[in-house]
């Protein structure tokens, strides 16, 4: 299952994107809470490493969802800008993916994925 959080190839449908995005967001919020309450520098550094790993995961999820709507994964860099992040997330949540295969892979709704 961890492979699904770190793969940059293939496509991701809306529902799976939303589920993965919620998991990563909740995990990041928990890490933020822990980091704010840590007095030990070593623990804080370890938590920051987990934040970086989670951010890479969130980026990969965004890239695969962009692939589903036939956009390059490079558009995920727009998430570096807060206002654009909100707009991009709305597009990724509500825009239907391409029916059938596209240049990024098979239709995620027509293939079975391991959970």
C-alpha atoms as a PDB file:
ATOM      1  CA  UNK A   1       0.000   0.000   0.000  1.00  0.00           C
ATOM      2  CA  UNK A   2       2.859   2.429   0.663  1.00  0.00           C
ATOM      3  CA  UNK A   3       3.789   2.104  -2.995  1.00  0.00           C
ATOM      4  CA  UNK A   4       0.532   3.888  -3.854  1.00  0.00           C
ATOM      5  CA  UNK A   5       1.632   6.930  -1.833  1.00  0.00           C
ATOM      6  CA  UNK A   6       5.000   7.346  -3.562  1.00  0.00           C
ATOM      7  CA  UNK A   7       4.438   6.422  -7.210  1.00  0.00           C
ATOM      8  CA  UNK A   8       4.669   9.206  -9.777  1.00  0.00           C
ATOM      9  CA  UNK A   9       3.472   7.137 -12.732  1.00  0.00           C
ATOM     10  CA  UNK A  10      -0.016   6.173 -13.731  1.00  0.00           C
ATOM     11  CA  UNK A  11      -3.364   7.754 -12.984  1.00  0.00           C
ATOM     12  CA  UNK A  12      -5.545   8.283  -9.936  1.00  0.00           C
ATOM     13  CA  UNK A  13      -9.318   8.712  -9.984  1.00  0.00           C
ATOM     14  CA  UNK A  14     -11.154  11.393  -7.978  1.00  0.00           C
ATOM     15  CA  UNK A  15     -12.316   9.203  -5.098  1.00  0.00           C
ATOM     16  CA  UNK A  16      -8.959   7.555  -4.528  1.00  0.00           C
ATOM     17  CA  UNK A  17      -7.243  10.955  -4.794  1.00  0.00           C
ATOM     18  CA  UNK A  18      -9.566  12.382  -2.169  1.00  0.00           C
ATOM     19  CA  UNK A  19      -9.007   9.405   0.146  1.00  0.00           C
ATOM     20  CA  UNK A  20      -5.219   9.518  -0.140  1.00  0.00           C
ATOM     21  CA  UNK A  21      -5.218  13.302   0.208  1.00  0.00           C
ATOM     22  CA  UNK A  22      -7.264  13.126   3.413  1.00  0.00           C
ATOM     23  CA  UNK A  23      -4.908  10.493   4.873  1.00  0.00           C
ATOM     24  CA  UNK A  24      -1.801  12.561   4.091  1.00  0.00           C
ATOM     25  CA  UNK A  25      -3.403  15.796   5.349  1.00  0.00           C
ATOM     26  CA  UNK A  26      -4.457  14.233   8.659  1.00  0.00           C
ATOM     27  CA  UNK A  27      -0.967  12.763   9.060  1.00  0.00           C
ATOM     28  CA  UNK A  28       0.618  16.168   8.391  1.00  0.00           C
ATOM     29  CA  UNK A  29      -1.699  17.877  10.890  1.00  0.00           C
ATOM     30  CA  UNK A  30      -0.753  15.316  13.535  1.00  0.00           C
ATOM     31  CA  UNK A  31       2.937  15.867  12.804  1.00  0.00           C
ATOM     32  CA  UNK A  32       2.441  19.634  13.075  1.00  0.00           C
ATOM     33  CA  UNK A  33       0.863  19.186  16.503  1.00  0.00           C
ATOM     34  CA  UNK A  34       3.727  16.992  17.668  1.00  0.00           C
ATOM     35  CA  UNK A  35       6.386  19.367  16.320  1.00  0.00           C
ATOM     36  CA  UNK A  36       4.823  22.318  18.144  1.00  0.00           C
ATOM     37  CA  UNK A  37       4.952  20.414  21.442  1.00  0.00           C
ATOM     38  CA  UNK A  38       8.449  18.926  21.176  1.00  0.00           C
ATOM     39  CA  UNK A  39      11.288  20.234  23.308  1.00  0.00           C
ATOM     40  CA  UNK A  40      13.905  17.761  22.113  1.00  0.00           C
ATOM     41  CA  UNK A  41      15.858  18.847  19.007  1.00  0.00           C
ATOM     42  CA  UNK A  42      16.517  15.300  17.788  1.00  0.00           C
ATOM     43  CA  UNK A  43      12.819  14.436  17.955  1.00  0.00           C
ATOM     44  CA  UNK A  44      11.940  17.654  16.145  1.00  0.00           C
ATOM     45  CA  UNK A  45      14.384  16.813  13.351  1.00  0.00           C
ATOM     46  CA  UNK A  46      12.929  13.313  13.007  1.00  0.00           C
ATOM     47  CA  UNK A  47       9.427  14.754  12.819  1.00  0.00           C
ATOM     48  CA  UNK A  48      10.553  17.244  10.162  1.00  0.00           C
ATOM     49  CA  UNK A  49      11.944  14.347   8.116  1.00  0.00           C
ATOM     50  CA  UNK A  50       8.499  12.722   8.332  1.00  0.00           C
ATOM     51  CA  UNK A  51       6.958  15.990   7.135  1.00  0.00           C
ATOM     52  CA  UNK A  52       9.249  15.994   4.095  1.00  0.00           C
ATOM     53  CA  UNK A  53       8.370  12.363   3.318  1.00  0.00           C
ATOM     54  CA  UNK A  54       4.667  13.209   3.640  1.00  0.00           C
ATOM     55  CA  UNK A  55       5.061  16.211   1.336  1.00  0.00           C
ATOM     56  CA  UNK A  56       6.667  13.993  -1.315  1.00  0.00           C
ATOM     57  CA  UNK A  57       3.737  11.613  -0.939  1.00  0.00           C
ATOM     58  CA  UNK A  58       1.218  14.454  -1.348  1.00  0.00           C
ATOM     59  CA  UNK A  59       3.098  15.636  -4.430  1.00  0.00           C
ATOM     60  CA  UNK A  60       3.033  12.159  -6.006  1.00  0.00           C
ATOM     61  CA  UNK A  61      -0.705  11.852  -5.377  1.00  0.00           C
ATOM     62  CA  UNK A  62      -1.259  15.212  -7.066  1.00  0.00           C
ATOM     63  CA  UNK A  63       0.897  14.213 -10.051  1.00  0.00           C
ATOM     64  CA  UNK A  64      -1.069  11.007 -10.636  1.00  0.00           C
ATOM     65  CA  UNK A  65      -4.377  12.865 -10.400  1.00  0.00           C
ATOM     66  CA  UNK A  66      -3.103  15.427 -12.922  1.00  0.00           C
ATOM     67  CA  UNK A  67      -2.221  12.525 -15.215  1.00  0.00           C
ATOM     68  CA  UNK A  68      -5.840  11.351 -14.999  1.00  0.00           C
ATOM     69  CA  UNK A  69      -7.064  14.659 -16.438  1.00  0.00           C
ATOM     70  CA  UNK A  70      -4.325  14.548 -19.114  1.00  0.00           C
ATOM     71  CA  UNK A  71      -2.086  17.219 -17.628  1.00  0.00           C
ATOM     72  CA  UNK A  72       1.621  17.005 -17.013  1.00  0.00           C
ATOM     73  CA  UNK A  73       2.767  16.301 -13.474  1.00  0.00           C
ATOM     74  CA  UNK A  74       4.763  19.529 -13.630  1.00  0.00           C
ATOM     75  CA  UNK A  75       1.518  21.395 -12.931  1.00  0.00           C
ATOM     76  CA  UNK A  76       1.824  20.043  -9.374  1.00  0.00           C
ATOM     77  CA  UNK A  77       4.465  22.733  -8.803  1.00  0.00           C
ATOM     78  CA  UNK A  78       1.578  25.205  -8.754  1.00  0.00           C
ATOM     79  CA  UNK A  79       0.834  23.858  -5.280  1.00  0.00           C
ATOM     80  CA  UNK A  80       3.751  25.944  -4.052  1.00  0.00           C
ATOM     81  CA  UNK A  81       1.467  28.995  -4.243  1.00  0.00           C
ATOM     82  CA  UNK A  82      -1.255  28.992  -1.544  1.00  0.00           C
ATOM     83  CA  UNK A  83      -4.131  30.580  -3.485  1.00  0.00           C
ATOM     84  CA  UNK A  84      -3.451  28.475  -6.575  1.00  0.00           C
ATOM     85  CA  UNK A  85      -3.298  25.364  -4.352  1.00  0.00           C
ATOM     86  CA  UNK A  86      -6.928  25.836  -3.365  1.00  0.00           C
ATOM     87  CA  UNK A  87      -8.054  26.276  -6.968  1.00  0.00           C
ATOM     88  CA  UNK A  88      -5.968  23.326  -8.183  1.00  0.00           C
ATOM     89  CA  UNK A  89      -7.355  21.092  -5.436  1.00  0.00           C
ATOM     90  CA  UNK A  90     -10.921  21.984  -6.433  1.00  0.00           C
ATOM     91  CA  UNK A  91     -10.131  21.099 -10.044  1.00  0.00           C
ATOM     92  CA  UNK A  92      -8.526  17.803  -9.022  1.00  0.00           C
ATOM     93  CA  UNK A  93     -11.466  16.860  -6.812  1.00  0.00           C
ATOM     94  CA  UNK A  94     -14.275  17.731  -9.227  1.00  0.00           C
ATOM     95  CA  UNK A  95     -12.938  17.354 -12.789  1.00  0.00           C
ATOM     96  CA  UNK A  96     -13.703  13.967 -14.282  1.00  0.00           C
ATOM     97  CA  UNK A  97     -10.720  12.054 -15.565  1.00  0.00           C
ATOM     98  CA  UNK A  98     -10.236  11.016 -19.165  1.00  0.00           C
ATOM     99  CA  UNK A  99     -12.370   8.066 -20.229  1.00  0.00           C
ATOM    100  CA  UNK A 100     -10.260   5.155 -21.399  1.00  0.00           C
ATOM    101  CA  UNK A 101      -6.483   5.097 -21.616  1.00  0.00           C
ATOM    102  CA  UNK A 102      -4.445   8.234 -22.148  1.00  0.00           C
ATOM    103  CA  UNK A 103      -0.711   8.882 -22.544  1.00  0.00           C
ATOM    104  CA  UNK A 104      -0.201   8.378 -18.782  1.00  0.00           C
ATOM    105  CA  UNK A 105      -1.804   4.959 -18.490  1.00  0.00           C
ATOM    106  CA  UNK A 106      -5.000   2.978 -18.312  1.00  0.00           C
ATOM    107  CA  UNK A 107      -8.258   4.406 -16.996  1.00  0.00           C
ATOM    108  CA  UNK A 108      -8.137   3.911 -13.201  1.00  0.00           C
ATOM    109  CA  UNK A 109     -11.877   3.184 -13.201  1.00  0.00           C
ATOM    110  CA  UNK A 110     -11.477   0.271 -15.602  1.00  0.00           C
ATOM    111  CA  UNK A 111      -8.600  -1.471 -13.834  1.00  0.00           C
ATOM    112  CA  UNK A 112      -8.372  -3.121 -10.441  1.00  0.00           C
ATOM    113  CA  UNK A 113      -5.912  -1.641  -7.948  1.00  0.00           C
ATOM    114  CA  UNK A 114      -4.536  -3.368  -4.894  1.00  0.00           C
ATOM    115  CA  UNK A 115      -5.311  -1.535  -1.696  1.00  0.00           C
END
